[in-house]
């Protein structure tokens, strides 16, 4: 169905925009809002572009891109913030992975 990775959502501190993949429109509105808050706060805090992507196994990955001339980007803060989100939002992120594996990868009962 998909290639290597599929983007769930992304936020850009450069364009001040949030994007959500319509393929995931069946997610509850509260989940979509939580993703938006999480991503926008991240990019407002450390800068750059944050995207949440699923790899081919259904693992949710945090991917950060930075403009070459962005000297204000906080690389250390970015890594720390990702670890904090992975720790504090673990159940939430695992539920999204499960949703993806069941509804997109059809891994029922594995």
PDB file of N, CA and C in Angstrom:
ATOM      1  N   UNK A   1       0.817  -1.193   0.000  1.00  0.00           N
ATOM      2  CA  UNK A   1       0.000   0.000   0.000  1.00  0.00           C
ATOM      3  C   UNK A   1       0.865   1.263   0.000  1.00  0.00           C
ATOM      4  N   UNK A   2       1.878   1.332   0.871  1.00  0.00           N
ATOM      5  CA  UNK A   2       2.749   2.497   0.947  1.00  0.00           C
ATOM      6  C   UNK A   2       4.195   2.089   0.714  1.00  0.00           C
ATOM      7  N   UNK A   3       5.040   3.084   0.417  1.00  0.00           N
ATOM      8  CA  UNK A   3       6.460   2.835   0.246  1.00  0.00           C
ATOM      9  C   UNK A   3       7.133   2.723   1.616  1.00  0.00           C
ATOM     10  N   UNK A   4       8.333   3.230   1.713  1.00  0.00           N
ATOM     11  CA  UNK A   4       9.129   3.085   2.932  1.00  0.00           C
ATOM     12  C   UNK A   4       8.492   3.725   4.161  1.00  0.00           C
ATOM     13  N   UNK A   5       8.110   4.986   4.043  1.00  0.00           N
ATOM     14  CA  UNK A   5       7.537   5.703   5.192  1.00  0.00           C
ATOM     15  C   UNK A   5       6.316   6.492   4.771  1.00  0.00           C
ATOM     16  N   UNK A   6       5.403   6.633   5.718  1.00  0.00           N
ATOM     17  CA  UNK A   6       4.203   7.432   5.471  1.00  0.00           C
ATOM     18  C   UNK A   6       4.102   8.476   6.580  1.00  0.00           C
ATOM     19  N   UNK A   7       3.893   9.717   6.198  1.00  0.00           N
ATOM     20  CA  UNK A   7       3.842  10.817   7.154  1.00  0.00           C
ATOM     21  C   UNK A   7       2.446  10.907   7.752  1.00  0.00           C
ATOM     22  N   UNK A   8       2.386  10.930   9.070  1.00  0.00           N
ATOM     23  CA  UNK A   8       1.130  11.110   9.795  1.00  0.00           C
ATOM     24  C   UNK A   8       0.775  12.592   9.863  1.00  0.00           C
ATOM     25  N   UNK A   9       1.751  13.408  10.294  1.00  0.00           N
ATOM     26  CA  UNK A   9       1.528  14.846  10.402  1.00  0.00           C
ATOM     27  C   UNK A   9       2.876  15.553  10.462  1.00  0.00           C
ATOM     28  N   UNK A  10       2.845  16.867  10.278  1.00  0.00           N
ATOM     29  CA  UNK A  10       4.080  17.644  10.314  1.00  0.00           C
ATOM     30  C   UNK A  10       3.770  19.074  10.730  1.00  0.00           C
ATOM     31  N   UNK A  11       4.776  19.702  11.329  1.00  0.00           N
ATOM     32  CA  UNK A  11       4.670  21.098  11.742  1.00  0.00           C
ATOM     33  C   UNK A  11       5.956  21.821  11.348  1.00  0.00           C
ATOM     34  N   UNK A  12       5.822  23.046  10.867  1.00  0.00           N
ATOM     35  CA  UNK A  12       6.979  23.827  10.435  1.00  0.00           C
ATOM     36  C   UNK A  12       7.046  25.144  11.194  1.00  0.00           C
ATOM     37  N   UNK A  13       8.203  25.400  11.797  1.00  0.00           N
ATOM     38  CA  UNK A  13       8.392  26.687  12.464  1.00  0.00           C
ATOM     39  C   UNK A  13       8.670  27.784  11.442  1.00  0.00           C
ATOM     40  N   UNK A  14       9.094  27.401  10.227  1.00  0.00           N
ATOM     41  CA  UNK A  14       9.405  28.381   9.188  1.00  0.00           C
ATOM     42  C   UNK A  14       8.133  28.953   8.556  1.00  0.00           C
ATOM     43  N   UNK A  15       7.186  28.083   8.245  1.00  0.00           N
ATOM     44  CA  UNK A  15       5.954  28.513   7.593  1.00  0.00           C
ATOM     45  C   UNK A  15       4.814  28.728   8.582  1.00  0.00           C
ATOM     46  N   UNK A  16       5.049  28.361   9.850  1.00  0.00           N
ATOM     47  CA  UNK A  16       4.016  28.467  10.891  1.00  0.00           C
ATOM     48  C   UNK A  16       2.759  27.712  10.465  1.00  0.00           C
ATOM     49  N   UNK A  17       2.978  26.463  10.004  1.00  0.00           N
ATOM     50  CA  UNK A  17       1.868  25.636   9.530  1.00  0.00           C
ATOM     51  C   UNK A  17       1.938  24.246  10.134  1.00  0.00           C
ATOM     52  N   UNK A  18       0.751  23.640  10.227  1.00  0.00           N
ATOM     53  CA  UNK A  18       0.618  22.245  10.644  1.00  0.00           C
ATOM     54  C   UNK A  18      -0.092  21.512   9.528  1.00  0.00           C
ATOM     55  N   UNK A  19       0.366  20.303   9.213  1.00  0.00           N
ATOM     56  CA  UNK A  19      -0.243  19.500   8.159  1.00  0.00           C
ATOM     57  C   UNK A  19      -0.601  18.136   8.738  1.00  0.00           C
ATOM     58  N   UNK A  20      -1.796  17.651   8.388  1.00  0.00           N
ATOM     59  CA  UNK A  20      -2.250  16.337   8.833  1.00  0.00           C
ATOM     60  C   UNK A  20      -2.642  15.529   7.609  1.00  0.00           C
ATOM     61  N   UNK A  21      -2.159  14.296   7.531  1.00  0.00           N
ATOM     62  CA  UNK A  21      -2.420  13.413   6.402  1.00  0.00           C
ATOM     63  C   UNK A  21      -3.882  12.951   6.432  1.00  0.00           C
ATOM     64  N   UNK A  22      -4.631  13.271   5.388  1.00  0.00           N
ATOM     65  CA  UNK A  22      -6.051  12.921   5.310  1.00  0.00           C
ATOM     66  C   UNK A  22      -6.299  11.413   5.288  1.00  0.00           C
ATOM     67  N   UNK A  23      -5.283  10.613   5.009  1.00  0.00           N
ATOM     68  CA  UNK A  23      -5.433   9.156   5.062  1.00  0.00           C
ATOM     69  C   UNK A  23      -5.800   8.694   6.475  1.00  0.00           C
ATOM     70  N   UNK A  24      -5.538   9.548   7.463  1.00  0.00           N
ATOM     71  CA  UNK A  24      -5.805   9.210   8.859  1.00  0.00           C
ATOM     72  C   UNK A  24      -7.019   9.962   9.407  1.00  0.00           C
ATOM     73  N   UNK A  25      -7.915  10.356   8.530  1.00  0.00           N
ATOM     74  CA  UNK A  25      -9.099  11.130   8.909  1.00  0.00           C
ATOM     75  C   UNK A  25      -9.993  10.392   9.903  1.00  0.00           C
ATOM     76  N   UNK A  26      -9.907   9.062   9.950  1.00  0.00           N
ATOM     77  CA  UNK A  26     -10.760   8.300  10.872  1.00  0.00           C
ATOM     78  C   UNK A  26     -10.274   8.342  12.317  1.00  0.00           C
ATOM     79  N   UNK A  27      -9.100   8.900  12.546  1.00  0.00           N
ATOM     80  CA  UNK A  27      -8.649   9.068  13.934  1.00  0.00           C
ATOM     81  C   UNK A  27      -9.608  10.021  14.645  1.00  0.00           C
ATOM     82  N   UNK A  28      -9.867   9.785  15.920  1.00  0.00           N
ATOM     83  CA  UNK A  28     -10.752  10.695  16.671  1.00  0.00           C
ATOM     84  C   UNK A  28     -10.210  12.123  16.673  1.00  0.00           C
ATOM     85  N   UNK A  29     -11.115  13.084  16.690  1.00  0.00           N
ATOM     86  CA  UNK A  29     -10.734  14.495  16.662  1.00  0.00           C
ATOM     87  C   UNK A  29      -9.812  14.857  17.830  1.00  0.00           C
ATOM     88  N   UNK A  30     -10.038  14.267  18.977  1.00  0.00           N
ATOM     89  CA  UNK A  30      -9.194  14.540  20.146  1.00  0.00           C
ATOM     90  C   UNK A  30      -7.750  14.094  19.900  1.00  0.00           C
ATOM     91  N   UNK A  31      -7.569  12.983  19.208  1.00  0.00           N
ATOM     92  CA  UNK A  31      -6.227  12.499  18.869  1.00  0.00           C
ATOM     93  C   UNK A  31      -5.564  13.459  17.887  1.00  0.00           C
ATOM     94  N   UNK A  32      -6.301  13.892  16.884  1.00  0.00           N
ATOM     95  CA  UNK A  32      -5.761  14.847  15.906  1.00  0.00           C
ATOM     96  C   UNK A  32      -5.324  16.133  16.597  1.00  0.00           C
ATOM     97  N   UNK A  33      -6.141  16.618  17.538  1.00  0.00           N
ATOM     98  CA  UNK A  33      -5.806  17.846  18.253  1.00  0.00           C
ATOM     99  C   UNK A  33      -4.561  17.663  19.124  1.00  0.00           C
ATOM    100  N   UNK A  34      -4.457  16.518  19.770  1.00  0.00           N
ATOM    101  CA  UNK A  34      -3.280  16.240  20.601  1.00  0.00           C
ATOM    102  C   UNK A  34      -2.014  16.193  19.746  1.00  0.00           C
ATOM    103  N   UNK A  35      -2.100  15.586  18.578  1.00  0.00           N
ATOM    104  CA  UNK A  35      -0.956  15.552  17.659  1.00  0.00           C
ATOM    105  C   UNK A  35      -0.571  16.970  17.228  1.00  0.00           C
ATOM    106  N   UNK A  36      -1.572  17.774  16.919  1.00  0.00           N
ATOM    107  CA  UNK A  36      -1.306  19.150  16.493  1.00  0.00           C
ATOM    108  C   UNK A  36      -0.624  19.940  17.604  1.00  0.00           C
ATOM    109  N   UNK A  37      -1.160  19.849  18.795  1.00  0.00           N
ATOM    110  CA  UNK A  37      -0.570  20.564  19.935  1.00  0.00           C
ATOM    111  C   UNK A  37       0.869  20.114  20.162  1.00  0.00           C
ATOM    112  N   UNK A  38       1.081  18.808  20.158  1.00  0.00           N
ATOM    113  CA  UNK A  38       2.410  18.251  20.410  1.00  0.00           C
ATOM    114  C   UNK A  38       3.421  18.736  19.361  1.00  0.00           C
ATOM    115  N   UNK A  39       3.057  18.681  18.095  1.00  0.00           N
ATOM    116  CA  UNK A  39       3.978  19.051  17.020  1.00  0.00           C
ATOM    117  C   UNK A  39       4.240  20.553  16.964  1.00  0.00           C
ATOM    118  N   UNK A  40       3.177  21.344  17.102  1.00  0.00           N
ATOM    119  CA  UNK A  40       3.343  22.796  17.030  1.00  0.00           C
ATOM    120  C   UNK A  40       4.162  23.311  18.215  1.00  0.00           C
ATOM    121  N   UNK A  41       3.893  22.813  19.408  1.00  0.00           N
ATOM    122  CA  UNK A  41       4.691  23.232  20.562  1.00  0.00           C
ATOM    123  C   UNK A  41       6.160  22.852  20.392  1.00  0.00           C
ATOM    124  N   UNK A  42       6.399  21.679  19.818  1.00  0.00           N
ATOM    125  CA  UNK A  42       7.779  21.241  19.571  1.00  0.00           C
ATOM    126  C   UNK A  42       8.495  22.239  18.665  1.00  0.00           C
ATOM    127  N   UNK A  43       7.896  22.556  17.506  1.00  0.00           N
ATOM    128  CA  UNK A  43       8.579  23.439  16.552  1.00  0.00           C
ATOM    129  C   UNK A  43       8.663  24.877  17.059  1.00  0.00           C
ATOM    130  N   UNK A  44       7.705  25.303  17.868  1.00  0.00           N
ATOM    131  CA  UNK A  44       7.797  26.637  18.446  1.00  0.00           C
ATOM    132  C   UNK A  44       8.908  26.696  19.493  1.00  0.00           C
ATOM    133  N   UNK A  45       9.153  25.590  20.155  1.00  0.00           N
ATOM    134  CA  UNK A  45      10.167  25.532  21.211  1.00  0.00           C
ATOM    135  C   UNK A  45      11.577  25.433  20.644  1.00  0.00           C
ATOM    136  N   UNK A  46      11.811  24.512  19.703  1.00  0.00           N
ATOM    137  CA  UNK A  46      13.181  24.275  19.228  1.00  0.00           C
ATOM    138  C   UNK A  46      13.414  24.668  17.779  1.00  0.00           C
ATOM    139  N   UNK A  47      12.346  24.922  17.016  1.00  0.00           N
ATOM    140  CA  UNK A  47      12.486  25.316  15.615  1.00  0.00           C
ATOM    141  C   UNK A  47      12.457  24.130  14.673  1.00  0.00           C
ATOM    142  N   UNK A  48      12.721  24.415  13.411  1.00  0.00           N
ATOM    143  CA  UNK A  48      12.786  23.378  12.397  1.00  0.00           C
ATOM    144  C   UNK A  48      11.425  22.870  11.949  1.00  0.00           C
ATOM    145  N   UNK A  49      11.454  21.683  11.364  1.00  0.00           N
ATOM    146  CA  UNK A  49      10.244  21.010  10.884  1.00  0.00           C
ATOM    147  C   UNK A  49      10.204  19.638  11.534  1.00  0.00           C
ATOM    148  N   UNK A  50       9.108  19.343  12.180  1.00  0.00           N
ATOM    149  CA  UNK A  50       8.923  18.031  12.803  1.00  0.00           C
ATOM    150  C   UNK A  50       7.862  17.272  12.026  1.00  0.00           C
ATOM    151  N   UNK A  51       8.192  16.034  11.643  1.00  0.00           N
ATOM    152  CA  UNK A  51       7.178  15.167  11.058  1.00  0.00           C
ATOM    153  C   UNK A  51       7.146  13.862  11.832  1.00  0.00           C
ATOM    154  N   UNK A  52       5.945  13.333  11.999  1.00  0.00           N
ATOM    155  CA  UNK A  52       5.758  12.026  12.611  1.00  0.00           C
ATOM    156  C   UNK A  52       5.470  11.065  11.472  1.00  0.00           C
ATOM    157  N   UNK A  53       6.303  10.033  11.351  1.00  0.00           N
ATOM    158  CA  UNK A  53       6.227   9.118  10.219  1.00  0.00           C
ATOM    159  C   UNK A  53       6.205   7.678  10.690  1.00  0.00           C
ATOM    160  N   UNK A  54       5.492   6.852   9.941  1.00  0.00           N
ATOM    161  CA  UNK A  54       5.498   5.418  10.191  1.00  0.00           C
ATOM    162  C   UNK A  54       6.502   4.766   9.255  1.00  0.00           C
ATOM    163  N   UNK A  55       7.353   3.881   9.804  1.00  0.00           N
ATOM    164  CA  UNK A  55       8.232   3.115   8.930  1.00  0.00           C
ATOM    165  C   UNK A  55       7.479   1.905   8.401  1.00  0.00           C
ATOM    166  N   UNK A  56       8.145   1.061   7.630  1.00  0.00           N
ATOM    167  CA  UNK A  56       7.479  -0.078   6.994  1.00  0.00           C
ATOM    168  C   UNK A  56       6.946  -1.096   8.000  1.00  0.00           C
ATOM    169  N   UNK A  57       7.458  -1.082   9.232  1.00  0.00           N
ATOM    170  CA  UNK A  57       6.993  -1.997  10.273  1.00  0.00           C
ATOM    171  C   UNK A  57       5.882  -1.401  11.138  1.00  0.00           C
ATOM    172  N   UNK A  58       5.566  -0.133  10.915  1.00  0.00           N
ATOM    173  CA  UNK A  58       4.523   0.512  11.688  1.00  0.00           C
ATOM    174  C   UNK A  58       5.011   1.245  12.915  1.00  0.00           C
ATOM    175  N   UNK A  59       6.315   1.411  13.032  1.00  0.00           N
ATOM    176  CA  UNK A  59       6.878   2.161  14.149  1.00  0.00           C
ATOM    177  C   UNK A  59       6.760   3.655  13.860  1.00  0.00           C
ATOM    178  N   UNK A  60       6.287   4.410  14.838  1.00  0.00           N
ATOM    179  CA  UNK A  60       6.132   5.848  14.682  1.00  0.00           C
ATOM    180  C   UNK A  60       7.464   6.526  14.999  1.00  0.00           C
ATOM    181  N   UNK A  61       7.968   7.274  14.030  1.00  0.00           N
ATOM    182  CA  UNK A  61       9.262   7.934  14.151  1.00  0.00           C
ATOM    183  C   UNK A  61       9.101   9.442  14.190  1.00  0.00           C
ATOM    184  N   UNK A  62       9.968  10.094  14.935  1.00  0.00           N
ATOM    185  CA  UNK A  62      10.045  11.548  14.956  1.00  0.00           C
ATOM    186  C   UNK A  62      11.164  11.939  13.997  1.00  0.00           C
ATOM    187  N   UNK A  63      10.853  12.728  12.982  1.00  0.00           N
ATOM    188  CA  UNK A  63      11.861  13.166  12.025  1.00  0.00           C
ATOM    189  C   UNK A  63      11.945  14.684  12.069  1.00  0.00           C
ATOM    190  N   UNK A  64      13.141  15.203  12.243  1.00  0.00           N
ATOM    191  CA  UNK A  64      13.345  16.649  12.324  1.00  0.00           C
ATOM    192  C   UNK A  64      14.216  17.084  11.151  1.00  0.00           C
ATOM    193  N   UNK A  65      13.743  18.094  10.431  1.00  0.00           N
ATOM    194  CA  UNK A  65      14.512  18.700   9.343  1.00  0.00           C
ATOM    195  C   UNK A  65      14.763  20.158   9.700  1.00  0.00           C
ATOM    196  N   UNK A  66      15.923  20.649   9.258  1.00  0.00           N
ATOM    197  CA  UNK A  66      16.313  22.019   9.576  1.00  0.00           C
ATOM    198  C   UNK A  66      16.839  22.683   8.311  1.00  0.00           C
ATOM    199  N   UNK A  67      16.452  23.927   8.105  1.00  0.00           N
ATOM    200  CA  UNK A  67      16.993  24.701   6.989  1.00  0.00           C
ATOM    201  C   UNK A  67      18.491  24.889   7.211  1.00  0.00           C
ATOM    202  N   UNK A  68      19.238  24.838   6.130  1.00  0.00           N
ATOM    203  CA  UNK A  68      20.696  24.919   6.218  1.00  0.00           C
ATOM    204  C   UNK A  68      21.181  26.184   6.929  1.00  0.00           C
ATOM    205  N   UNK A  69      20.512  27.290   6.710  1.00  0.00           N
ATOM    206  CA  UNK A  69      20.939  28.568   7.291  1.00  0.00           C
ATOM    207  C   UNK A  69      20.253  28.889   8.617  1.00  0.00           C
ATOM    208  N   UNK A  70      19.638  27.908   9.244  1.00  0.00           N
ATOM    209  CA  UNK A  70      18.934  28.145  10.506  1.00  0.00           C
ATOM    210  C   UNK A  70      19.910  27.991  11.674  1.00  0.00           C
ATOM    211  N   UNK A  71      20.490  29.105  12.074  1.00  0.00           N
ATOM    212  CA  UNK A  71      21.467  29.092  13.159  1.00  0.00           C
ATOM    213  C   UNK A  71      20.803  29.146  14.529  1.00  0.00           C
ATOM    214  N   UNK A  72      19.486  29.331  14.551  1.00  0.00           N
ATOM    215  CA  UNK A  72      18.752  29.400  15.807  1.00  0.00           C
ATOM    216  C   UNK A  72      18.202  28.048  16.248  1.00  0.00           C
ATOM    217  N   UNK A  73      18.283  27.052  15.372  1.00  0.00           N
ATOM    218  CA  UNK A  73      17.749  25.730  15.704  1.00  0.00           C
ATOM    219  C   UNK A  73      18.506  25.149  16.893  1.00  0.00           C
ATOM    220  N   UNK A  74      17.773  24.601  17.841  1.00  0.00           N
ATOM    221  CA  UNK A  74      18.346  24.033  19.058  1.00  0.00           C
ATOM    222  C   UNK A  74      18.447  22.511  18.902  1.00  0.00           C
ATOM    223  N   UNK A  75      19.584  22.036  18.400  1.00  0.00           N
ATOM    224  CA  UNK A  75      19.763  20.606  18.128  1.00  0.00           C
ATOM    225  C   UNK A  75      19.710  19.763  19.406  1.00  0.00           C
ATOM    226  N   UNK A  76      20.355  20.212  20.441  1.00  0.00           N
ATOM    227  CA  UNK A  76      20.344  19.479  21.709  1.00  0.00           C
ATOM    228  C   UNK A  76      18.939  19.502  22.307  1.00  0.00           C
ATOM    229  N   UNK A  77      18.309  20.665  22.287  1.00  0.00           N
ATOM    230  CA  UNK A  77      16.946  20.780  22.790  1.00  0.00           C
ATOM    231  C   UNK A  77      15.978  19.903  22.009  1.00  0.00           C
ATOM    232  N   UNK A  78      16.217  19.770  20.722  1.00  0.00           N
ATOM    233  CA  UNK A  78      15.376  18.929  19.871  1.00  0.00           C
ATOM    234  C   UNK A  78      15.446  17.468  20.309  1.00  0.00           C
ATOM    235  N   UNK A  79      16.645  16.965  20.486  1.00  0.00           N
ATOM    236  CA  UNK A  79      16.821  15.569  20.912  1.00  0.00           C
ATOM    237  C   UNK A  79      16.219  15.334  22.293  1.00  0.00           C
ATOM    238  N   UNK A  80      16.431  16.268  23.204  1.00  0.00           N
ATOM    239  CA  UNK A  80      15.868  16.146  24.550  1.00  0.00           C
ATOM    240  C   UNK A  80      14.343  16.196  24.530  1.00  0.00           C
ATOM    241  N   UNK A  81      13.788  17.074  23.704  1.00  0.00           N
ATOM    242  CA  UNK A  81      12.336  17.214  23.614  1.00  0.00           C
ATOM    243  C   UNK A  81      11.701  15.941  23.038  1.00  0.00           C
ATOM    244  N   UNK A  82      12.349  15.334  22.052  1.00  0.00           N
ATOM    245  CA  UNK A  82      11.836  14.085  21.482  1.00  0.00           C
ATOM    246  C   UNK A  82      11.839  12.989  22.543  1.00  0.00           C
ATOM    247  N   UNK A  83      12.915  12.870  23.282  1.00  0.00           N
ATOM    248  CA  UNK A  83      12.973  11.856  24.344  1.00  0.00           C
ATOM    249  C   UNK A  83      11.907  12.102  25.397  1.00  0.00           C
ATOM    250  N   UNK A  84      11.687  13.365  25.739  1.00  0.00           N
ATOM    251  CA  UNK A  84      10.651  13.706  26.717  1.00  0.00           C
ATOM    252  C   UNK A  84       9.262  13.319  26.199  1.00  0.00           C
ATOM    253  N   UNK A  85       8.981  13.643  24.942  1.00  0.00           N
ATOM    254  CA  UNK A  85       7.680  13.290  24.360  1.00  0.00           C
ATOM    255  C   UNK A  85       7.499  11.773  24.285  1.00  0.00           C
ATOM    256  N   UNK A  86       8.544  11.059  23.915  1.00  0.00           N
ATOM    257  CA  UNK A  86       8.462   9.601  23.846  1.00  0.00           C
ATOM    258  C   UNK A  86       8.206   8.995  25.217  1.00  0.00           C
ATOM    259  N   UNK A  87       8.704   9.637  26.251  1.00  0.00           N
ATOM    260  CA  UNK A  87       8.511   9.139  27.610  1.00  0.00           C
ATOM    261  C   UNK A  87       7.136   9.524  28.159  1.00  0.00           C
ATOM    262  N   UNK A  88       6.782  10.798  28.041  1.00  0.00           N
ATOM    263  CA  UNK A  88       5.542  11.280  28.652  1.00  0.00           C
ATOM    264  C   UNK A  88       4.295  10.908  27.852  1.00  0.00           C
ATOM    265  N   UNK A  89       4.437  10.700  26.573  1.00  0.00           N
ATOM    266  CA  UNK A  89       3.295  10.371  25.704  1.00  0.00           C
ATOM    267  C   UNK A  89       3.376   8.934  25.194  1.00  0.00           C
ATOM    268  N   UNK A  90       4.082   8.083  25.907  1.00  0.00           N
ATOM    269  CA  UNK A  90       4.314   6.710  25.457  1.00  0.00           C
ATOM    270  C   UNK A  90       3.020   5.966  25.139  1.00  0.00           C
ATOM    271  N   UNK A  91       2.054   5.986  26.037  1.00  0.00           N
ATOM    272  CA  UNK A  91       0.790   5.270  25.797  1.00  0.00           C
ATOM    273  C   UNK A  91       0.054   5.830  24.581  1.00  0.00           C
ATOM    274  N   UNK A  92       0.029   7.133  24.460  1.00  0.00           N
ATOM    275  CA  UNK A  92      -0.619   7.792  23.326  1.00  0.00           C
ATOM    276  C   UNK A  92       0.043   7.383  22.009  1.00  0.00           C
ATOM    277  N   UNK A  93       1.365   7.439  21.963  1.00  0.00           N
ATOM    278  CA  UNK A  93       2.105   7.099  20.747  1.00  0.00           C
ATOM    279  C   UNK A  93       1.971   5.612  20.412  1.00  0.00           C
ATOM    280  N   UNK A  94       1.978   4.751  21.420  1.00  0.00           N
ATOM    281  CA  UNK A  94       1.794   3.315  21.186  1.00  0.00           C
ATOM    282  C   UNK A  94       0.398   3.023  20.644  1.00  0.00           C
ATOM    283  N   UNK A  95      -0.609   3.748  21.112  1.00  0.00           N
ATOM    284  CA  UNK A  95      -1.972   3.561  20.612  1.00  0.00           C
ATOM    285  C   UNK A  95      -2.064   3.950  19.133  1.00  0.00           C
ATOM    286  N   UNK A  96      -1.371   5.001  18.750  1.00  0.00           N
ATOM    287  CA  UNK A  96      -1.362   5.414  17.346  1.00  0.00           C
ATOM    288  C   UNK A  96      -0.655   4.362  16.487  1.00  0.00           C
ATOM    289  N   UNK A  97       0.437   3.809  16.988  1.00  0.00           N
ATOM    290  CA  UNK A  97       1.129   2.727  16.268  1.00  0.00           C
ATOM    291  C   UNK A  97       0.202   1.526  16.096  1.00  0.00           C
ATOM    292  N   UNK A  98      -0.509   1.165  17.145  1.00  0.00           N
ATOM    293  CA  UNK A  98      -1.435   0.030  17.075  1.00  0.00           C
ATOM    294  C   UNK A  98      -2.517   0.297  16.041  1.00  0.00           C
ATOM    295  N   UNK A  99      -3.081   1.496  16.055  1.00  0.00           N
ATOM    296  CA  UNK A  99      -4.090   1.889  15.062  1.00  0.00           C
ATOM    297  C   UNK A  99      -3.534   1.686  13.648  1.00  0.00           C
ATOM    298  N   UNK A 100      -2.342   2.172  13.405  1.00  0.00           N
ATOM    299  CA  UNK A 100      -1.729   2.066  12.082  1.00  0.00           C
ATOM    300  C   UNK A 100      -1.517   0.605  11.683  1.00  0.00           C
ATOM    301  N   UNK A 101      -1.011  -0.179  12.614  1.00  0.00           N
ATOM    302  CA  UNK A 101      -0.738  -1.595  12.316  1.00  0.00           C
ATOM    303  C   UNK A 101      -2.018  -2.367  12.019  1.00  0.00           C
ATOM    304  N   UNK A 102      -3.090  -2.064  12.721  1.00  0.00           N
ATOM    305  CA  UNK A 102      -4.354  -2.782  12.521  1.00  0.00           C
ATOM    306  C   UNK A 102      -5.065  -2.318  11.244  1.00  0.00           C
ATOM    307  N   UNK A 103      -5.197  -1.001  11.067  1.00  0.00           N
ATOM    308  CA  UNK A 103      -6.006  -0.489   9.967  1.00  0.00           C
ATOM    309  C   UNK A 103      -5.256  -0.298   8.656  1.00  0.00           C
ATOM    310  N   UNK A 104      -3.939  -0.144   8.710  1.00  0.00           N
ATOM    311  CA  UNK A 104      -3.183   0.076   7.480  1.00  0.00           C
ATOM    312  C   UNK A 104      -2.328  -1.125   7.099  1.00  0.00           C
ATOM    313  N   UNK A 105      -1.711  -1.755   8.081  1.00  0.00           N
ATOM    314  CA  UNK A 105      -0.867  -2.913   7.785  1.00  0.00           C
ATOM    315  C   UNK A 105      -1.624  -4.229   7.947  1.00  0.00           C
ATOM    316  N   UNK A 106      -2.843  -4.141   8.459  1.00  0.00           N
ATOM    317  CA  UNK A 106      -3.719  -5.317   8.638  1.00  0.00           C
ATOM    318  C   UNK A 106      -3.080  -6.389   9.509  1.00  0.00           C
ATOM    319  N   UNK A 107      -2.422  -5.966  10.565  1.00  0.00           N
ATOM    320  CA  UNK A 107      -1.777  -6.885  11.518  1.00  0.00           C
ATOM    321  C   UNK A 107      -2.733  -7.218  12.650  1.00  0.00           C
ATOM    322  N   UNK A 108      -3.784  -7.875  12.344  1.00  0.00           N
ATOM    323  CA  UNK A 108      -4.783  -8.238  13.352  1.00  0.00           C
ATOM    324  C   UNK A 108      -4.342  -9.518  14.065  1.00  0.00           C
ATOM    325  N   UNK A 109      -4.289  -9.468  15.385  1.00  0.00           N
ATOM    326  CA  UNK A 109      -3.975 -10.648  16.187  1.00  0.00           C
ATOM    327  C   UNK A 109      -2.524 -11.059  16.221  1.00  0.00           C
ATOM    328  N   UNK A 110      -1.622 -10.166  15.821  1.00  0.00           N
ATOM    329  CA  UNK A 110      -0.197 -10.505  15.862  1.00  0.00           C
ATOM    330  C   UNK A 110       0.396 -10.254  17.212  1.00  0.00           C
TER     331      UNK A 110
END
